[in-house]
N, C-alpha and C. Protein backbone atom coordinates (compact mmCIF):
# COMPACT_ATOMS: atom_id res chain seq x y z
N MET A 1 -5.84 -22.17 18.18
CA MET A 1 -6.70 -21.08 17.15
C MET A 1 -7.24 -19.82 18.27
N LEU A 2 -7.96 -20.51 18.37
CA LEU A 2 -8.79 -19.38 19.74
C LEU A 2 -8.08 -18.47 19.93
N ASN A 3 -7.12 -19.33 20.89
CA ASN A 3 -6.22 -18.60 21.81
C ASN A 3 -5.17 -17.18 20.88
N LYS A 4 -4.56 -17.83 19.96
CA LYS A 4 -3.81 -17.13 19.30
C LYS A 4 -4.39 -15.75 18.27
N ALA A 5 -6.13 -16.11 18.21
CA ALA A 5 -7.01 -15.07 17.64
C ALA A 5 -7.31 -14.59 19.02
N ILE A 6 -7.00 -14.85 19.68
CA ILE A 6 -8.01 -13.53 21.61
C ILE A 6 -6.12 -12.96 21.68
N LYS A 7 -5.30 -13.77 21.74
CA LYS A 7 -3.54 -12.93 22.07
C LYS A 7 -4.11 -11.60 21.40
N LEU A 8 -3.95 -12.11 19.53
CA LEU A 8 -3.78 -11.21 18.78
C LEU A 8 -4.93 -9.62 19.04
N TYR A 9 -5.87 -10.59 19.20
CA TYR A 9 -6.68 -9.43 19.04
C TYR A 9 -6.95 -8.27 20.41
N GLU A 10 -6.00 -9.03 21.71
CA GLU A 10 -5.77 -8.36 22.49
C GLU A 10 -4.66 -7.08 22.32
N SER A 11 -4.19 -7.77 21.67
CA SER A 11 -2.70 -7.25 21.63
C SER A 11 -3.07 -5.71 20.85
N GLY A 12 -4.52 -5.41 20.01
CA GLY A 12 -4.78 -4.28 19.51
C GLY A 12 -4.96 -4.44 17.82
N MET A 13 -4.73 -5.26 17.52
CA MET A 13 -5.41 -5.76 16.61
C MET A 13 -7.11 -5.54 15.77
N THR A 14 -7.53 -5.02 15.00
CA THR A 14 -8.67 -5.20 14.62
C THR A 14 -9.21 -6.74 14.59
N GLN A 15 -10.18 -7.30 14.57
CA GLN A 15 -10.40 -8.58 13.53
C GLN A 15 -10.12 -8.42 12.41
N GLN A 16 -9.94 -7.68 11.18
CA GLN A 16 -9.93 -7.58 9.90
C GLN A 16 -8.12 -8.00 9.96
N GLU A 17 -7.75 -7.72 10.55
CA GLU A 17 -6.11 -7.91 10.97
C GLU A 17 -5.41 -9.04 10.94
N VAL A 18 -6.88 -9.66 12.40
CA VAL A 18 -6.47 -11.01 12.97
C VAL A 18 -6.33 -12.03 12.01
N ALA A 19 -7.80 -11.75 11.18
CA ALA A 19 -8.35 -12.73 10.12
C ALA A 19 -7.13 -12.72 8.93
N LYS A 20 -6.37 -11.29 9.11
CA LYS A 20 -4.83 -11.81 7.60
C LYS A 20 -4.49 -12.67 7.95
N GLU A 21 -3.58 -12.24 9.18
CA GLU A 21 -2.65 -12.83 9.98
C GLU A 21 -3.29 -14.59 9.82
N LEU A 22 -4.43 -14.69 10.30
CA LEU A 22 -4.20 -16.24 10.42
C LEU A 22 -4.75 -16.90 9.33
N GLY A 23 -4.93 -16.59 7.71
CA GLY A 23 -5.52 -16.82 6.75
C GLY A 23 -7.04 -17.06 7.08
N ILE A 24 -7.84 -16.38 7.34
CA ILE A 24 -8.89 -16.60 7.43
C ILE A 24 -9.72 -15.12 7.39
N THR A 25 -10.91 -15.12 7.09
CA THR A 25 -11.75 -14.77 6.93
C THR A 25 -12.22 -13.76 7.93
N GLN A 26 -12.56 -12.40 8.26
CA GLN A 26 -13.34 -11.46 9.08
C GLN A 26 -14.56 -12.21 10.05
N LYS A 27 -15.00 -12.44 9.31
CA LYS A 27 -16.30 -13.08 9.15
C LYS A 27 -15.62 -14.62 10.29
N MET A 28 -15.22 -14.97 10.13
CA MET A 28 -14.48 -16.42 11.04
C MET A 28 -14.20 -16.15 11.70
N VAL A 29 -13.58 -15.32 12.09
CA VAL A 29 -12.87 -14.80 13.48
C VAL A 29 -14.08 -13.88 14.32
N TRP A 30 -15.27 -13.19 14.04
CA TRP A 30 -16.36 -12.99 14.34
C TRP A 30 -16.83 -14.47 15.10
N GLY A 31 -16.91 -15.52 14.33
CA GLY A 31 -17.52 -16.74 14.72
C GLY A 31 -17.15 -17.65 15.71
N ILE A 32 -15.54 -17.44 15.99
CA ILE A 32 -14.91 -18.17 16.63
C ILE A 32 -14.96 -17.39 17.72
N PHE A 33 -14.71 -16.33 17.70
CA PHE A 33 -15.19 -15.45 19.57
C PHE A 33 -16.83 -15.52 19.85
N ARG A 34 -17.79 -15.24 18.99
CA ARG A 34 -19.03 -15.63 19.44
C ARG A 34 -18.92 -16.80 19.71
N LYS A 35 -18.90 -17.63 19.50
CA LYS A 35 -18.88 -19.03 19.93
C LYS A 35 -18.47 -19.05 20.96
N ALA A 36 -17.10 -18.94 21.42
CA ALA A 36 -16.20 -18.39 22.43
C ALA A 36 -16.90 -18.16 23.62
N GLY A 37 -17.94 -16.65 23.22
CA GLY A 37 -18.76 -16.16 24.47
C GLY A 37 -17.34 -15.07 24.78
N TYR A 38 -16.54 -15.12 23.78
CA TYR A 38 -15.78 -13.79 24.38
C TYR A 38 -15.61 -12.25 23.59
N LYS A 39 -16.01 -11.11 24.70
CA LYS A 39 -16.48 -10.49 24.66
C LYS A 39 -15.55 -9.22 23.45
N CYS A 40 -15.82 -9.14 22.44
CA CYS A 40 -15.02 -7.84 21.76
C CYS A 40 -16.02 -6.55 21.76
N ARG A 41 -14.70 -5.52 21.48
CA ARG A 41 -14.60 -4.15 22.30
C ARG A 41 -15.10 -3.65 20.53
N VAL A 42 -16.00 -2.52 20.88
CA VAL A 42 -16.73 -1.49 20.38
C VAL A 42 -16.01 -1.46 19.46
N ALA A 43 -16.37 -1.18 17.92
CA ALA A 43 -15.69 -1.00 16.97
C ALA A 43 -15.82 0.48 16.63
N LYS A 44 -14.25 1.21 16.41
CA LYS A 44 -14.36 2.26 16.23
C LYS A 44 -13.27 2.50 15.17
N LYS A 45 -13.96 3.53 14.59
CA LYS A 45 -13.41 4.28 13.57
C LYS A 45 -11.39 5.01 13.60
N ARG A 46 -10.81 4.10 13.01
CA ARG A 46 -9.53 4.92 12.85
C ARG A 46 -9.12 6.17 12.16
N ASN A 47 -7.78 6.43 12.33
CA ASN A 47 -7.96 8.47 11.83
C ASN A 47 -7.23 7.91 10.64
N GLN A 48 -8.23 8.00 9.96
CA GLN A 48 -7.38 7.98 8.18
C GLN A 48 -7.34 9.33 7.64
N GLU A 49 -6.81 10.59 8.44
CA GLU A 49 -6.61 11.71 7.62
C GLU A 49 -5.00 11.76 7.27
N GLY A 50 -4.89 12.48 5.55
CA GLY A 50 -3.60 12.35 5.77
C GLY A 50 -2.57 11.10 5.74
N GLU A 51 -1.16 10.82 5.98
CA GLU A 51 -0.54 9.83 5.89
C GLU A 51 -1.17 8.65 6.63
N ASN A 52 -2.23 8.69 7.36
CA ASN A 52 -2.36 7.57 7.99
C ASN A 52 -3.81 6.89 6.93
N ASN A 53 -4.12 7.19 5.91
CA ASN A 53 -4.98 6.94 5.28
C ASN A 53 -4.66 6.02 3.87
N ALA A 54 -4.64 5.38 3.49
CA ALA A 54 -4.39 4.26 2.74
C ALA A 54 -4.06 4.15 1.33
N SER A 55 -4.54 5.10 0.97
CA SER A 55 -4.83 5.66 -0.26
C SER A 55 -3.64 7.23 -0.68
N TRP A 56 -3.38 7.42 0.40
CA TRP A 56 -2.63 8.70 1.00
C TRP A 56 -1.12 8.53 -1.17
N LYS A 57 -1.35 9.23 -1.73
CA LYS A 57 -0.40 9.90 -2.47
C LYS A 57 0.83 10.61 -2.47
N GLY A 58 0.76 11.59 -0.76
CA GLY A 58 1.42 12.55 -1.03
C GLY A 58 1.77 13.73 -1.72
N ASP A 59 3.10 14.34 -2.62
CA ASP A 59 3.07 14.96 -3.83
C ASP A 59 2.71 14.65 -4.99
N LYS A 60 2.35 13.32 -4.87
CA LYS A 60 2.08 12.90 -6.52
C LYS A 60 0.60 12.34 -6.32
N ALA A 61 -0.04 13.10 -5.82
CA ALA A 61 -1.99 13.26 -5.82
C ALA A 61 -2.18 14.35 -6.74
N GLY A 62 -3.79 13.79 -7.54
CA GLY A 62 -3.89 14.71 -8.08
C GLY A 62 -4.47 16.05 -8.16
N TYR A 63 -4.49 16.67 -9.48
CA TYR A 63 -5.27 17.99 -8.56
C TYR A 63 -6.31 17.90 -8.02
N ALA A 64 -7.11 17.27 -8.15
CA ALA A 64 -8.18 17.28 -6.89
C ALA A 64 -8.07 17.00 -6.55
N ALA A 65 -7.25 16.04 -5.63
CA ALA A 65 -6.83 16.10 -4.32
C ALA A 65 -6.16 16.80 -3.32
N HIS A 66 -5.54 18.00 -4.26
CA HIS A 66 -4.25 18.66 -3.99
C HIS A 66 -5.25 20.09 -3.50
N HIS A 67 -6.84 20.25 -4.39
CA HIS A 67 -7.33 21.79 -4.01
C HIS A 67 -8.32 21.19 -2.78
N TYR A 68 -8.58 19.84 -2.77
CA TYR A 68 -9.63 19.04 -1.18
C TYR A 68 -8.63 19.33 -0.16
N ARG A 69 -7.48 19.17 -0.19
CA ARG A 69 -7.06 19.17 1.19
C ARG A 69 -6.96 20.48 1.17
N VAL A 70 -6.39 21.50 0.24
CA VAL A 70 -6.42 22.88 0.78
C VAL A 70 -7.78 23.72 1.58
N GLN A 71 -8.79 23.30 1.08
CA GLN A 71 -9.63 22.83 1.54
C GLN A 71 -10.12 22.68 2.89
N LYS A 72 -9.72 21.63 2.98
CA LYS A 72 -9.59 20.76 4.29
C LYS A 72 -8.80 21.36 4.91
N LEU A 73 -7.86 21.24 5.01
CA LEU A 73 -7.11 22.44 5.90
C LEU A 73 -6.97 24.07 5.99
N ARG A 74 -8.20 24.82 5.00
CA ARG A 74 -7.95 26.19 4.78
C ARG A 74 -9.14 26.69 5.24
N GLY A 75 -9.96 25.38 5.01
CA GLY A 75 -11.53 26.35 4.93
C GLY A 75 -12.28 26.65 3.79
N LYS A 76 -13.73 26.51 3.88
CA LYS A 76 -14.05 26.85 3.06
C LYS A 76 -13.56 28.34 2.08
N PRO A 77 -13.53 29.37 1.38
CA PRO A 77 -13.32 30.43 0.69
C PRO A 77 -14.58 31.34 0.79
N SER A 78 -14.38 32.78 1.09
CA SER A 78 -15.74 33.25 0.91
C SER A 78 -15.77 34.35 0.76
N LEU A 79 -14.03 34.94 0.39
CA LEU A 79 -14.25 36.37 0.24
C LEU A 79 -12.80 36.35 -0.98
N CYS A 80 -13.29 36.80 -1.98
CA CYS A 80 -12.17 37.02 -3.09
C CYS A 80 -11.32 38.15 -2.76
N ALA A 81 -9.41 36.87 -3.08
CA ALA A 81 -8.58 38.33 -2.85
C ALA A 81 -8.49 39.41 -3.95
N MET A 82 -8.68 39.11 -5.18
CA MET A 82 -8.74 40.17 -5.91
C MET A 82 -10.09 41.51 -5.70
N CYS A 83 -10.35 40.66 -6.17
CA CYS A 83 -12.48 41.80 -5.86
C CYS A 83 -12.89 42.05 -4.66
N GLU A 84 -12.10 41.74 -3.46
CA GLU A 84 -12.64 41.33 -2.25
C GLU A 84 -14.50 41.25 -2.17
N THR A 85 -14.85 40.81 -3.15
CA THR A 85 -15.93 40.45 -3.45
C THR A 85 -16.75 39.21 -2.43
N THR A 86 -17.97 39.13 -1.37
CA THR A 86 -18.35 38.27 -0.40
C THR A 86 -19.25 38.21 -1.10
N THR A 87 -20.09 38.39 -1.59
CA THR A 87 -21.08 38.21 -2.77
C THR A 87 -21.37 37.04 -3.86
N ALA A 88 -20.40 36.43 -4.41
CA ALA A 88 -20.38 35.83 -5.09
C ALA A 88 -21.02 34.52 -5.20
N LYS A 89 -21.45 33.74 -6.26
CA LYS A 89 -22.21 32.55 -6.21
C LYS A 89 -21.23 31.51 -5.49
N ARG A 90 -19.90 31.22 -6.11
CA ARG A 90 -18.65 30.55 -6.21
C ARG A 90 -17.52 31.25 -5.55
N PHE A 91 -16.99 30.58 -4.85
CA PHE A 91 -15.03 30.36 -4.04
C PHE A 91 -14.32 29.88 -4.78
N GLU A 92 -13.45 29.75 -5.20
CA GLU A 92 -12.05 28.48 -5.43
C GLU A 92 -11.03 29.30 -4.29
N TRP A 93 -10.13 28.18 -4.56
CA TRP A 93 -8.48 28.16 -4.27
C TRP A 93 -8.19 28.17 -5.28
N ALA A 94 -7.38 29.38 -5.63
CA ALA A 94 -6.48 29.25 -6.58
C ALA A 94 -4.76 28.91 -6.94
N SER A 95 -4.47 28.14 -7.10
CA SER A 95 -3.06 28.16 -6.82
C SER A 95 -2.04 29.33 -7.64
N VAL A 96 -1.57 29.66 -6.89
CA VAL A 96 -0.43 31.05 -7.46
C VAL A 96 0.91 30.61 -8.67
N THR A 97 1.53 29.79 -8.03
CA THR A 97 2.92 29.46 -8.54
C THR A 97 2.36 28.11 -9.34
N GLY A 98 1.15 26.98 -9.19
CA GLY A 98 1.36 25.69 -9.86
C GLY A 98 2.13 24.96 -8.89
N GLU A 99 2.65 25.10 -8.07
CA GLU A 99 3.38 24.27 -6.77
C GLU A 99 1.84 23.54 -5.57
N TYR A 100 0.86 22.18 -6.40
CA TYR A 100 0.27 22.78 -5.97
C TYR A 100 -0.01 21.15 -4.35
N SER A 101 1.09 21.01 -4.03
CA SER A 101 1.22 20.48 -3.06
C SER A 101 1.67 21.22 -1.75
N ASN A 102 1.76 22.47 -1.86
CA ASN A 102 2.03 23.56 -1.09
C ASN A 102 0.67 24.30 -0.95
N ILE A 103 0.36 24.00 0.45
CA ILE A 103 -1.32 24.62 1.20
C ILE A 103 -1.54 26.00 1.07
N PHE A 104 0.06 26.18 1.28
CA PHE A 104 -0.28 28.07 1.37
C PHE A 104 0.30 28.93 -0.15
N ASP A 105 0.22 27.56 -1.13
CA ASP A 105 0.51 28.32 -2.51
C ASP A 105 -1.26 29.00 -2.87
N TYR A 106 -1.99 28.99 -1.85
CA TYR A 106 -3.22 29.00 -2.71
C TYR A 106 -3.38 30.30 -2.31
N VAL A 107 -4.94 31.30 -3.18
CA VAL A 107 -5.12 31.90 -2.95
C VAL A 107 -7.00 32.33 -2.72
N ARG A 108 -7.18 32.91 -2.26
CA ARG A 108 -9.20 32.44 -2.05
C ARG A 108 -9.84 33.41 -3.29
N LEU A 109 -10.33 33.07 -4.22
CA LEU A 109 -10.83 34.15 -5.63
C LEU A 109 -12.22 33.28 -5.28
N CYS A 110 -13.30 34.30 -6.06
CA CYS A 110 -14.26 34.31 -6.57
C CYS A 110 -14.17 33.31 -7.80
N LYS A 111 -15.49 32.72 -8.83
CA LYS A 111 -15.22 32.01 -10.10
C LYS A 111 -14.42 32.85 -10.83
N SER A 112 -15.64 34.28 -11.01
CA SER A 112 -14.79 35.07 -12.01
C SER A 112 -13.41 35.40 -12.25
N CYS A 113 -12.64 35.88 -11.12
CA CYS A 113 -11.39 36.64 -10.53
C CYS A 113 -10.25 34.81 -10.87
N HIS A 114 -11.50 33.86 -10.78
CA HIS A 114 -10.48 33.04 -11.20
C HIS A 114 -10.26 32.71 -12.43
N SER A 115 -10.61 32.38 -13.37
CA SER A 115 -10.80 32.23 -14.45
C SER A 115 -10.17 33.58 -15.08
N LYS A 116 -10.15 34.53 -15.04
CA LYS A 116 -9.14 35.45 -15.60
C LYS A 116 -7.61 35.68 -15.19
N PHE A 117 -7.86 35.36 -14.11
CA PHE A 117 -6.22 34.81 -13.49
C PHE A 117 -4.93 33.55 -13.90
N ASP A 118 -6.52 32.35 -14.42
CA ASP A 118 -5.86 31.30 -15.09
C ASP A 118 -5.59 31.80 -16.70
N ASN A 119 -6.45 32.90 -17.40
CA ASN A 119 -6.17 32.83 -18.66
C ASN A 119 -5.18 33.95 -18.50
N VAL A 120 -4.54 34.85 -17.57
CA VAL A 120 -3.38 35.80 -17.44
C VAL A 120 -2.29 34.96 -17.39
N ILE A 121 -2.11 34.02 -16.82
CA ILE A 121 -1.04 32.62 -16.70
C ILE A 121 -1.05 32.09 -18.06
N ILE A 122 -2.37 31.37 -17.80
CA ILE A 122 -1.87 31.44 -19.84
C ILE A 122 -1.57 31.94 -20.98
N ASN A 123 -1.63 33.23 -20.74
CA ASN A 123 -1.26 34.19 -22.14
C ASN A 123 0.69 34.65 -21.68
N ILE A 124 0.57 34.58 -20.17
CA ILE A 124 2.39 34.76 -20.19
C ILE A 124 3.17 33.78 -20.51
N ILE A 125 2.68 31.99 -19.96
CA ILE A 125 4.29 30.96 -20.41
C ILE A 125 3.10 30.13 -21.01
N GLY A 126 2.38 30.64 -22.11
CA GLY A 126 1.56 29.71 -22.75
C GLY A 126 1.09 28.42 -22.63
N GLU A 127 0.77 28.07 -20.98
CA GLU A 127 0.11 26.98 -20.44
C GLU A 127 -0.37 27.39 -19.28
N ARG A 128 -1.90 26.71 -19.21
CA ARG A 128 -2.22 26.50 -17.69
C ARG A 128 -0.77 25.33 -16.67
N LEU A 129 -0.88 25.95 -15.69
CA LEU A 129 0.25 25.47 -14.10
C LEU A 129 -0.56 24.19 -13.94
């Protein structure tokens, strides 16, 4: 089992992945390596952004996840596109057409203008985008 574990580990797998492949726990893999005196590489975080994340839902993500993506990719808004204030306590990204998965469909608004914008949309189409 040691040789197979080492071969899998040296192929680039993590101890967790080796354990899953062998049907044992990661702690057992760690113990096998330690008893054999095998020097393990330093654990590094993998890229977990976007589609590399195991919880990625793509366009089926929720409202909050879409807004988080916009903020992550376009930054925190600090200027309102409607009233052009920079002194508001809170700025938000507002979806213009309701196409939440398109990060370029958002506009920077202060909290006050965002509420006004949403109320106009509700009055026009009878429901929130």
